Amino acid sequence: GTADLVTVVKPGQVVSWTALAVDLQ
């Protein structure tokens, strides 16, 4: 929930990033 997210992963895992706007306009 912050800009400092540290995502815990495993080697070989796929990571996908998406950006969404709060205001859909």
mmCIF file of all heavy atoms, coordinates in Angstrom:
data_MODEL
# 
_entry.id   MODEL 
# 
loop_
_atom_site.group_PDB 
_atom_site.id 
_atom_site.type_symbol 
_atom_site.label_atom_id 
_atom_site.label_alt_id 
_atom_site.label_comp_id 
_atom_site.label_asym_id 
_atom_site.label_entity_id 
_atom_site.label_seq_id 
_atom_site.pdbx_PDB_ins_code 
_atom_site.Cartn_x 
_atom_site.Cartn_y 
_atom_site.Cartn_z 
_atom_site.occupancy 
_atom_site.B_iso_or_equiv 
_atom_site.pdbx_formal_charge 
_atom_site.auth_seq_id 
_atom_site.auth_comp_id 
_atom_site.auth_asym_id 
_atom_site.auth_atom_id 
_atom_site.pdbx_PDB_model_num 
ATOM 1   N N   . GLY A 1 1  ? 0.790   -1.229  0.000   1.00 0.00 ? 1  GLY A N   1 
ATOM 2   C CA  . GLY A 1 1  ? 0.000   0.000   0.000   1.00 0.00 ? 1  GLY A CA  1 
ATOM 3   C C   . GLY A 1 1  ? 0.819   1.273   0.000   1.00 0.00 ? 1  GLY A C   1 
ATOM 4   O O   . GLY A 1 1  ? 0.267   2.362   0.111   1.00 0.00 ? 1  GLY A O   1 
ATOM 5   N N   . THR A 1 2  ? 2.145   1.145   -0.130  1.00 0.00 ? 2  THR A N   1 
ATOM 6   C CA  . THR A 1 2  ? 3.012   2.328   -0.157  1.00 0.00 ? 2  THR A CA  1 
ATOM 7   C C   . THR A 1 2  ? 3.839   2.328   -1.440  1.00 0.00 ? 2  THR A C   1 
ATOM 8   O O   . THR A 1 2  ? 3.837   1.360   -2.199  1.00 0.00 ? 2  THR A O   1 
ATOM 9   C CB  . THR A 1 2  ? 3.983   2.348   1.048   1.00 0.00 ? 2  THR A CB  1 
ATOM 10  O OG1 . THR A 1 2  ? 4.995   1.348   0.852   1.00 0.00 ? 2  THR A OG1 1 
ATOM 11  C CG2 . THR A 1 2  ? 3.250   2.115   2.363   1.00 0.00 ? 2  THR A CG2 1 
ATOM 12  N N   . ALA A 1 3  ? 4.600   3.392   -1.640  1.00 0.00 ? 3  ALA A N   1 
ATOM 13  C CA  . ALA A 1 3  ? 5.518   3.470   -2.776  1.00 0.00 ? 3  ALA A CA  1 
ATOM 14  C C   . ALA A 1 3  ? 6.803   2.687   -2.509  1.00 0.00 ? 3  ALA A C   1 
ATOM 15  O O   . ALA A 1 3  ? 7.646   2.562   -3.383  1.00 0.00 ? 3  ALA A O   1 
ATOM 16  C CB  . ALA A 1 3  ? 5.850   4.934   -3.072  1.00 0.00 ? 3  ALA A CB  1 
ATOM 17  N N   . ASP A 1 4  ? 6.951   2.162   -1.297  1.00 0.00 ? 4  ASP A N   1 
ATOM 18  C CA  . ASP A 1 4  ? 8.152   1.431   -0.891  1.00 0.00 ? 4  ASP A CA  1 
ATOM 19  C C   . ASP A 1 4  ? 7.940   -0.077  -0.876  1.00 0.00 ? 4  ASP A C   1 
ATOM 20  O O   . ASP A 1 4  ? 8.630   -0.799  -0.153  1.00 0.00 ? 4  ASP A O   1 
ATOM 21  C CB  . ASP A 1 4  ? 8.590   1.886   0.502   1.00 0.00 ? 4  ASP A CB  1 
ATOM 22  C CG  . ASP A 1 4  ? 8.895   3.368   0.564   1.00 0.00 ? 4  ASP A CG  1 
ATOM 23  O OD1 . ASP A 1 4  ? 9.446   3.901   -0.409  1.00 0.00 ? 4  ASP A OD1 1 
ATOM 24  O OD2 . ASP A 1 4  ? 8.584   3.992   1.597   1.00 0.00 ? 4  ASP A OD2 1 
ATOM 25  N N   . LEU A 1 5  ? 7.016   -0.587  -1.659  1.00 0.00 ? 5  LEU A N   1 
ATOM 26  C CA  . LEU A 1 5  ? 6.699   -2.015  -1.678  1.00 0.00 ? 5  LEU A CA  1 
ATOM 27  C C   . LEU A 1 5  ? 7.943   -2.864  -1.945  1.00 0.00 ? 5  LEU A C   1 
ATOM 28  O O   . LEU A 1 5  ? 8.694   -2.594  -2.876  1.00 0.00 ? 5  LEU A O   1 
ATOM 29  C CB  . LEU A 1 5  ? 5.646   -2.301  -2.758  1.00 0.00 ? 5  LEU A CB  1 
ATOM 30  C CG  . LEU A 1 5  ? 5.261   -3.767  -2.955  1.00 0.00 ? 5  LEU A CG  1 
ATOM 31  C CD1 . LEU A 1 5  ? 4.536   -4.308  -1.723  1.00 0.00 ? 5  LEU A CD1 1 
ATOM 32  C CD2 . LEU A 1 5  ? 4.408   -3.930  -4.198  1.00 0.00 ? 5  LEU A CD2 1 
ATOM 33  N N   . VAL A 1 6  ? 8.144   -3.875  -1.116  1.00 0.00 ? 6  VAL A N   1 
ATOM 34  C CA  . VAL A 1 6  ? 9.199   -4.864  -1.336  1.00 0.00 ? 6  VAL A CA  1 
ATOM 35  C C   . VAL A 1 6  ? 8.482   -6.192  -1.550  1.00 0.00 ? 6  VAL A C   1 
ATOM 36  O O   . VAL A 1 6  ? 7.989   -6.811  -0.616  1.00 0.00 ? 6  VAL A O   1 
ATOM 37  C CB  . VAL A 1 6  ? 10.169  -4.946  -0.144  1.00 0.00 ? 6  VAL A CB  1 
ATOM 38  C CG1 . VAL A 1 6  ? 11.223  -6.032  -0.399  1.00 0.00 ? 6  VAL A CG1 1 
ATOM 39  C CG2 . VAL A 1 6  ? 10.837  -3.600  0.100   1.00 0.00 ? 6  VAL A CG2 1 
ATOM 40  N N   . THR A 1 7  ? 8.417   -6.620  -2.815  1.00 0.00 ? 7  THR A N   1 
ATOM 41  C CA  . THR A 1 7  ? 7.701   -7.833  -3.189  1.00 0.00 ? 7  THR A CA  1 
ATOM 42  C C   . THR A 1 7  ? 8.615   -9.037  -3.009  1.00 0.00 ? 7  THR A C   1 
ATOM 43  O O   . THR A 1 7  ? 9.705   -9.093  -3.583  1.00 0.00 ? 7  THR A O   1 
ATOM 44  C CB  . THR A 1 7  ? 7.232   -7.751  -4.657  1.00 0.00 ? 7  THR A CB  1 
ATOM 45  O OG1 . THR A 1 7  ? 6.388   -6.600  -4.795  1.00 0.00 ? 7  THR A OG1 1 
ATOM 46  C CG2 . THR A 1 7  ? 6.474   -8.994  -5.065  1.00 0.00 ? 7  THR A CG2 1 
ATOM 47  N N   . VAL A 1 8  ? 8.176   -9.997  -2.215  1.00 0.00 ? 8  VAL A N   1 
ATOM 48  C CA  . VAL A 1 8  ? 8.953   -11.210 -1.966  1.00 0.00 ? 8  VAL A CA  1 
ATOM 49  C C   . VAL A 1 8  ? 8.627   -12.219 -3.058  1.00 0.00 ? 8  VAL A C   1 
ATOM 50  O O   . VAL A 1 8  ? 7.461   -12.524 -3.322  1.00 0.00 ? 8  VAL A O   1 
ATOM 51  C CB  . VAL A 1 8  ? 8.659   -11.779 -0.560  1.00 0.00 ? 8  VAL A CB  1 
ATOM 52  C CG1 . VAL A 1 8  ? 9.475   -13.039 -0.321  1.00 0.00 ? 8  VAL A CG1 1 
ATOM 53  C CG2 . VAL A 1 8  ? 8.970   -10.734 0.512   1.00 0.00 ? 8  VAL A CG2 1 
ATOM 54  N N   . VAL A 1 9  ? 9.679   -12.723 -3.711  1.00 0.00 ? 9  VAL A N   1 
ATOM 55  C CA  . VAL A 1 9  ? 9.539   -13.607 -4.865  1.00 0.00 ? 9  VAL A CA  1 
ATOM 56  C C   . VAL A 1 9  ? 10.473  -14.811 -4.722  1.00 0.00 ? 9  VAL A C   1 
ATOM 57  O O   . VAL A 1 9  ? 11.292  -14.866 -3.815  1.00 0.00 ? 9  VAL A O   1 
ATOM 58  C CB  . VAL A 1 9  ? 9.869   -12.846 -6.167  1.00 0.00 ? 9  VAL A CB  1 
ATOM 59  C CG1 . VAL A 1 9  ? 8.834   -11.769 -6.451  1.00 0.00 ? 9  VAL A CG1 1 
ATOM 60  C CG2 . VAL A 1 9  ? 11.268  -12.244 -6.115  1.00 0.00 ? 9  VAL A CG2 1 
ATOM 61  N N   . LYS A 1 10 ? 10.347  -15.740 -5.650  1.00 0.00 ? 10 LYS A N   1 
ATOM 62  C CA  . LYS A 1 10 ? 11.235  -16.902 -5.762  1.00 0.00 ? 10 LYS A CA  1 
ATOM 63  C C   . LYS A 1 10 ? 11.892  -16.874 -7.142  1.00 0.00 ? 10 LYS A C   1 
ATOM 64  O O   . LYS A 1 10 ? 11.267  -16.431 -8.111  1.00 0.00 ? 10 LYS A O   1 
ATOM 65  C CB  . LYS A 1 10 ? 10.445  -18.215 -5.630  1.00 0.00 ? 10 LYS A CB  1 
ATOM 66  C CG  . LYS A 1 10 ? 9.935   -18.503 -4.234  1.00 0.00 ? 10 LYS A CG  1 
ATOM 67  C CD  . LYS A 1 10 ? 11.026  -19.141 -3.433  1.00 0.00 ? 10 LYS A CD  1 
ATOM 68  C CE  . LYS A 1 10 ? 10.464  -19.688 -2.126  1.00 0.00 ? 10 LYS A CE  1 
ATOM 69  N NZ  . LYS A 1 10 ? 11.462  -20.236 -1.273  1.00 0.00 ? 10 LYS A NZ  1 
ATOM 70  N N   . PRO A 1 11 ? 13.134  -17.351 -7.281  1.00 0.00 ? 11 PRO A N   1 
ATOM 71  C CA  . PRO A 1 11 ? 13.766  -17.418 -8.598  1.00 0.00 ? 11 PRO A CA  1 
ATOM 72  C C   . PRO A 1 11 ? 12.904  -18.217 -9.573  1.00 0.00 ? 11 PRO A C   1 
ATOM 73  O O   . PRO A 1 11 ? 12.316  -19.241 -9.217  1.00 0.00 ? 11 PRO A O   1 
ATOM 74  C CB  . PRO A 1 11 ? 15.091  -18.130 -8.329  1.00 0.00 ? 11 PRO A CB  1 
ATOM 75  C CG  . PRO A 1 11 ? 15.387  -17.818 -6.889  1.00 0.00 ? 11 PRO A CG  1 
ATOM 76  C CD  . PRO A 1 11 ? 14.034  -17.807 -6.216  1.00 0.00 ? 11 PRO A CD  1 
ATOM 77  N N   . GLY A 1 12 ? 12.827  -17.719 -10.798 1.00 0.00 ? 12 GLY A N   1 
ATOM 78  C CA  . GLY A 1 12 ? 12.038  -18.372 -11.837 1.00 0.00 ? 12 GLY A CA  1 
ATOM 79  C C   . GLY A 1 12 ? 10.584  -17.936 -11.877 1.00 0.00 ? 12 GLY A C   1 
ATOM 80  O O   . GLY A 1 12 ? 9.864   -18.237 -12.828 1.00 0.00 ? 12 GLY A O   1 
ATOM 81  N N   . GLN A 1 13 ? 10.143  -17.218 -10.869 1.00 0.00 ? 13 GLN A N   1 
ATOM 82  C CA  . GLN A 1 13 ? 8.763   -16.749 -10.823 1.00 0.00 ? 13 GLN A CA  1 
ATOM 83  C C   . GLN A 1 13 ? 8.571   -15.584 -11.805 1.00 0.00 ? 13 GLN A C   1 
ATOM 84  O O   . GLN A 1 13 ? 9.475   -14.782 -12.014 1.00 0.00 ? 13 GLN A O   1 
ATOM 85  C CB  . GLN A 1 13 ? 8.451   -16.278 -9.395  1.00 0.00 ? 13 GLN A CB  1 
ATOM 86  C CG  . GLN A 1 13 ? 7.032   -16.366 -8.995  1.00 0.00 ? 13 GLN A CG  1 
ATOM 87  C CD  . GLN A 1 13 ? 6.855   -16.112 -7.487  1.00 0.00 ? 13 GLN A CD  1 
ATOM 88  O OE1 . GLN A 1 13 ? 7.670   -15.485 -6.827  1.00 0.00 ? 13 GLN A OE1 1 
ATOM 89  N NE2 . GLN A 1 13 ? 5.758   -16.597 -6.969  1.00 0.00 ? 13 GLN A NE2 1 
ATOM 90  N N   . VAL A 1 14 ? 7.393   -15.485 -12.408 1.00 0.00 ? 14 VAL A N   1 
ATOM 91  C CA  . VAL A 1 14 ? 7.053   -14.384 -13.300 1.00 0.00 ? 14 VAL A CA  1 
ATOM 92  C C   . VAL A 1 14 ? 6.486   -13.247 -12.455 1.00 0.00 ? 14 VAL A C   1 
ATOM 93  O O   . VAL A 1 14 ? 5.672   -13.474 -11.560 1.00 0.00 ? 14 VAL A O   1 
ATOM 94  C CB  . VAL A 1 14 ? 6.017   -14.836 -14.358 1.00 0.00 ? 14 VAL A CB  1 
ATOM 95  C CG1 . VAL A 1 14 ? 5.529   -13.642 -15.185 1.00 0.00 ? 14 VAL A CG1 1 
ATOM 96  C CG2 . VAL A 1 14 ? 6.610   -15.905 -15.258 1.00 0.00 ? 14 VAL A CG2 1 
ATOM 97  N N   . VAL A 1 15 ? 6.941   -12.029 -12.753 1.00 0.00 ? 15 VAL A N   1 
ATOM 98  C CA  . VAL A 1 15 ? 6.429   -10.834 -12.082 1.00 0.00 ? 15 VAL A CA  1 
ATOM 99  C C   . VAL A 1 15 ? 5.779   -9.965  -13.152 1.00 0.00 ? 15 VAL A C   1 
ATOM 100 O O   . VAL A 1 15 ? 6.373   -9.717  -14.203 1.00 0.00 ? 15 VAL A O   1 
ATOM 101 C CB  . VAL A 1 15 ? 7.549   -10.050 -11.372 1.00 0.00 ? 15 VAL A CB  1 
ATOM 102 C CG1 . VAL A 1 15 ? 6.978   -8.817  -10.682 1.00 0.00 ? 15 VAL A CG1 1 
ATOM 103 C CG2 . VAL A 1 15 ? 8.290   -10.926 -10.383 1.00 0.00 ? 15 VAL A CG2 1 
ATOM 104 N N   . SER A 1 16 ? 4.555   -9.511  -12.899 1.00 0.00 ? 16 SER A N   1 
ATOM 105 C CA  . SER A 1 16 ? 3.840   -8.631  -13.825 1.00 0.00 ? 16 SER A CA  1 
ATOM 106 C C   . SER A 1 16 ? 3.490   -7.333  -13.126 1.00 0.00 ? 16 SER A C   1 
ATOM 107 O O   . SER A 1 16 ? 2.971   -7.348  -12.012 1.00 0.00 ? 16 SER A O   1 
ATOM 108 C CB  . SER A 1 16 ? 2.556   -9.302  -14.324 1.00 0.00 ? 16 SER A CB  1 
ATOM 109 O OG  . SER A 1 16 ? 2.864   -10.395 -15.138 1.00 0.00 ? 16 SER A OG  1 
ATOM 110 N N   . TRP A 1 17 ? 3.789   -6.221  -13.795 1.00 0.00 ? 17 TRP A N   1 
ATOM 111 C CA  . TRP A 1 17 ? 3.480   -4.895  -13.273 1.00 0.00 ? 17 TRP A CA  1 
ATOM 112 C C   . TRP A 1 17 ? 2.378   -4.266  -14.116 1.00 0.00 ? 17 TRP A C   1 
ATOM 113 O O   . TRP A 1 17 ? 2.401   -4.352  -15.338 1.00 0.00 ? 17 TRP A O   1 
ATOM 114 C CB  . TRP A 1 17 ? 4.694   -3.975  -13.362 1.00 0.00 ? 17 TRP A CB  1 
ATOM 115 C CG  . TRP A 1 17 ? 5.798   -4.225  -12.407 1.00 0.00 ? 17 TRP A CG  1 
ATOM 116 C CD1 . TRP A 1 17 ? 5.986   -3.636  -11.184 1.00 0.00 ? 17 TRP A CD1 1 
ATOM 117 C CD2 . TRP A 1 17 ? 6.939   -5.073  -12.602 1.00 0.00 ? 17 TRP A CD2 1 
ATOM 118 N NE1 . TRP A 1 17 ? 7.158   -4.085  -10.624 1.00 0.00 ? 17 TRP A NE1 1 
ATOM 119 C CE2 . TRP A 1 17 ? 7.754   -4.975  -11.478 1.00 0.00 ? 17 TRP A CE2 1 
ATOM 120 C CE3 . TRP A 1 17 ? 7.319   -5.930  -13.641 1.00 0.00 ? 17 TRP A CE3 1 
ATOM 121 C CZ2 . TRP A 1 17 ? 8.940   -5.672  -11.342 1.00 0.00 ? 17 TRP A CZ2 1 
ATOM 122 C CZ3 . TRP A 1 17 ? 8.505   -6.642  -13.518 1.00 0.00 ? 17 TRP A CZ3 1 
ATOM 123 C CH2 . TRP A 1 17 ? 9.306   -6.508  -12.378 1.00 0.00 ? 17 TRP A CH2 1 
ATOM 124 N N   . THR A 1 18 ? 1.434   -3.600  -13.445 1.00 0.00 ? 18 THR A N   1 
ATOM 125 C CA  . THR A 1 18 ? 0.358   -2.872  -14.100 1.00 0.00 ? 18 THR A CA  1 
ATOM 126 C C   . THR A 1 18 ? 0.180   -1.538  -13.383 1.00 0.00 ? 18 THR A C   1 
ATOM 127 O O   . THR A 1 18 ? 0.311   -1.478  -12.158 1.00 0.00 ? 18 THR A O   1 
ATOM 128 C CB  . THR A 1 18 ? -0.973  -3.656  -14.018 1.00 0.00 ? 18 THR A CB  1 
ATOM 129 O OG1 . THR A 1 18 ? -0.786  -4.962  -14.537 1.00 0.00 ? 18 THR A OG1 1 
ATOM 130 C CG2 . THR A 1 18 ? -2.074  -2.963  -14.798 1.00 0.00 ? 18 THR A CG2 1 
ATOM 131 N N   . ALA A 1 19 ? -0.134  -0.483  -14.114 1.00 0.00 ? 19 ALA A N   1 
ATOM 132 C CA  . ALA A 1 19 ? -0.435  0.820   -13.517 1.00 0.00 ? 19 ALA A CA  1 
ATOM 133 C C   . ALA A 1 19 ? -1.902  1.134   -13.747 1.00 0.00 ? 19 ALA A C   1 
ATOM 134 O O   . ALA A 1 19 ? -2.425  0.946   -14.851 1.00 0.00 ? 19 ALA A O   1 
ATOM 135 C CB  . ALA A 1 19 ? 0.438   1.909   -14.125 1.00 0.00 ? 19 ALA A CB  1 
ATOM 136 N N   . LEU A 1 20 ? -2.551  1.603   -12.700 1.00 0.00 ? 20 LEU A N   1 
ATOM 137 C CA  . LEU A 1 20 ? -3.960  2.002   -12.781 1.00 0.00 ? 20 LEU A CA  1 
ATOM 138 C C   . LEU A 1 20 ? -4.123  3.395   -12.184 1.00 0.00 ? 20 LEU A C   1 
ATOM 139 O O   . LEU A 1 20 ? -3.509  3.719   -11.171 1.00 0.00 ? 20 LEU A O   1 
ATOM 140 C CB  . LEU A 1 20 ? -4.841  1.022   -11.996 1.00 0.00 ? 20 LEU A CB  1 
ATOM 141 C CG  . LEU A 1 20 ? -4.847  -0.426  -12.470 1.00 0.00 ? 20 LEU A CG  1 
ATOM 142 C CD1 . LEU A 1 20 ? -5.633  -1.287  -11.485 1.00 0.00 ? 20 LEU A CD1 1 
ATOM 143 C CD2 . LEU A 1 20 ? -5.441  -0.521  -13.858 1.00 0.00 ? 20 LEU A CD2 1 
ATOM 144 N N   . ALA A 1 21 ? -4.972  4.199   -12.796 1.00 0.00 ? 21 ALA A N   1 
ATOM 145 C CA  . ALA A 1 21 ? -5.262  5.535   -12.279 1.00 0.00 ? 21 ALA A CA  1 
ATOM 146 C C   . ALA A 1 21 ? -6.439  5.471   -11.316 1.00 0.00 ? 21 ALA A C   1 
ATOM 147 O O   . ALA A 1 21 ? -7.382  4.702   -11.535 1.00 0.00 ? 21 ALA A O   1 
ATOM 148 C CB  . ALA A 1 21 ? -5.578  6.480   -13.428 1.00 0.00 ? 21 ALA A CB  1 
ATOM 149 N N   . VAL A 1 22 ? -6.374  6.269   -10.249 1.00 0.00 ? 22 VAL A N   1 
ATOM 150 C CA  . VAL A 1 22 ? -7.483  6.344   -9.298  1.00 0.00 ? 22 VAL A CA  1 
ATOM 151 C C   . VAL A 1 22 ? -8.728  6.852   -10.007 1.00 0.00 ? 22 VAL A C   1 
ATOM 152 O O   . VAL A 1 22 ? -9.815  6.313   -9.852  1.00 0.00 ? 22 VAL A O   1 
ATOM 153 C CB  . VAL A 1 22 ? -7.129  7.269   -8.105  1.00 0.00 ? 22 VAL A CB  1 
ATOM 154 C CG1 . VAL A 1 22 ? -8.329  7.484   -7.205  1.00 0.00 ? 22 VAL A CG1 1 
ATOM 155 C CG2 . VAL A 1 22 ? -5.977  6.670   -7.306  1.00 0.00 ? 22 VAL A CG2 1 
ATOM 156 N N   . ASP A 1 23 ? -8.566  7.886   -10.819 1.00 0.00 ? 23 ASP A N   1 
ATOM 157 C CA  . ASP A 1 23 ? -9.657  8.460   -11.592 1.00 0.00 ? 23 ASP A CA  1 
ATOM 158 C C   . ASP A 1 23 ? -9.566  7.866   -12.994 1.00 0.00 ? 23 ASP A C   1 
ATOM 159 O O   . ASP A 1 23 ? -8.577  8.067   -13.694 1.00 0.00 ? 23 ASP A O   1 
ATOM 160 C CB  . ASP A 1 23 ? -9.506  9.980   -11.644 1.00 0.00 ? 23 ASP A CB  1 
ATOM 161 C CG  . ASP A 1 23 ? -10.532 10.653  -12.531 1.00 0.00 ? 23 ASP A CG  1 
ATOM 162 O OD1 . ASP A 1 23 ? -11.405 9.966   -13.104 1.00 0.00 ? 23 ASP A OD1 1 
ATOM 163 O OD2 . ASP A 1 23 ? -10.457 11.881  -12.665 1.00 0.00 ? 23 ASP A OD2 1 
ATOM 164 N N   . LEU A 1 24 ? -10.565 7.138   -13.410 1.00 0.00 ? 24 LEU A N   1 
ATOM 165 C CA  . LEU A 1 24 ? -10.510 6.440   -14.690 1.00 0.00 ? 24 LEU A CA  1 
ATOM 166 C C   . LEU A 1 24 ? -10.458 7.373   -15.897 1.00 0.00 ? 24 LEU A C   1 
ATOM 167 O O   . LEU A 1 24 ? -10.187 6.937   -17.006 1.00 0.00 ? 24 LEU A O   1 
ATOM 168 C CB  . LEU A 1 24 ? -11.685 5.474   -14.811 1.00 0.00 ? 24 LEU A CB  1 
ATOM 169 C CG  . LEU A 1 24 ? -11.695 4.361   -13.766 1.00 0.00 ? 24 LEU A CG  1 
ATOM 170 C CD1 . LEU A 1 24 ? -12.930 3.489   -13.932 1.00 0.00 ? 24 LEU A CD1 1 
ATOM 171 C CD2 . LEU A 1 24 ? -10.433 3.536   -13.827 1.00 0.00 ? 24 LEU A CD2 1 
ATOM 172 N N   . GLN A 1 25 ? -10.706 8.660   -15.691 1.00 0.00 ? 25 GLN A N   1 
ATOM 173 C CA  . GLN A 1 25 ? -10.631 9.628   -16.788 1.00 0.00 ? 25 GLN A CA  1 
ATOM 174 C C   . GLN A 1 25 ? -9.196  10.094  -17.040 1.00 0.00 ? 25 GLN A C   1 
ATOM 175 O O   . GLN A 1 25 ? -8.930  10.747  -18.040 1.00 0.00 ? 25 GLN A O   1 
ATOM 176 C CB  . GLN A 1 25 ? -11.501 10.848  -16.461 1.00 0.00 ? 25 GLN A CB  1 
ATOM 177 C CG  . GLN A 1 25 ? -12.954 10.521  -16.265 1.00 0.00 ? 25 GLN A CG  1 
ATOM 178 C CD  . GLN A 1 25 ? -13.611 10.040  -17.546 1.00 0.00 ? 25 GLN A CD  1 
ATOM 179 O OE1 . GLN A 1 25 ? -13.289 10.480  -18.634 1.00 0.00 ? 25 GLN A OE1 1 
ATOM 180 N NE2 . GLN A 1 25 ? -14.544 9.109   -17.420 1.00 0.00 ? 25 GLN A NE2 1 
# 
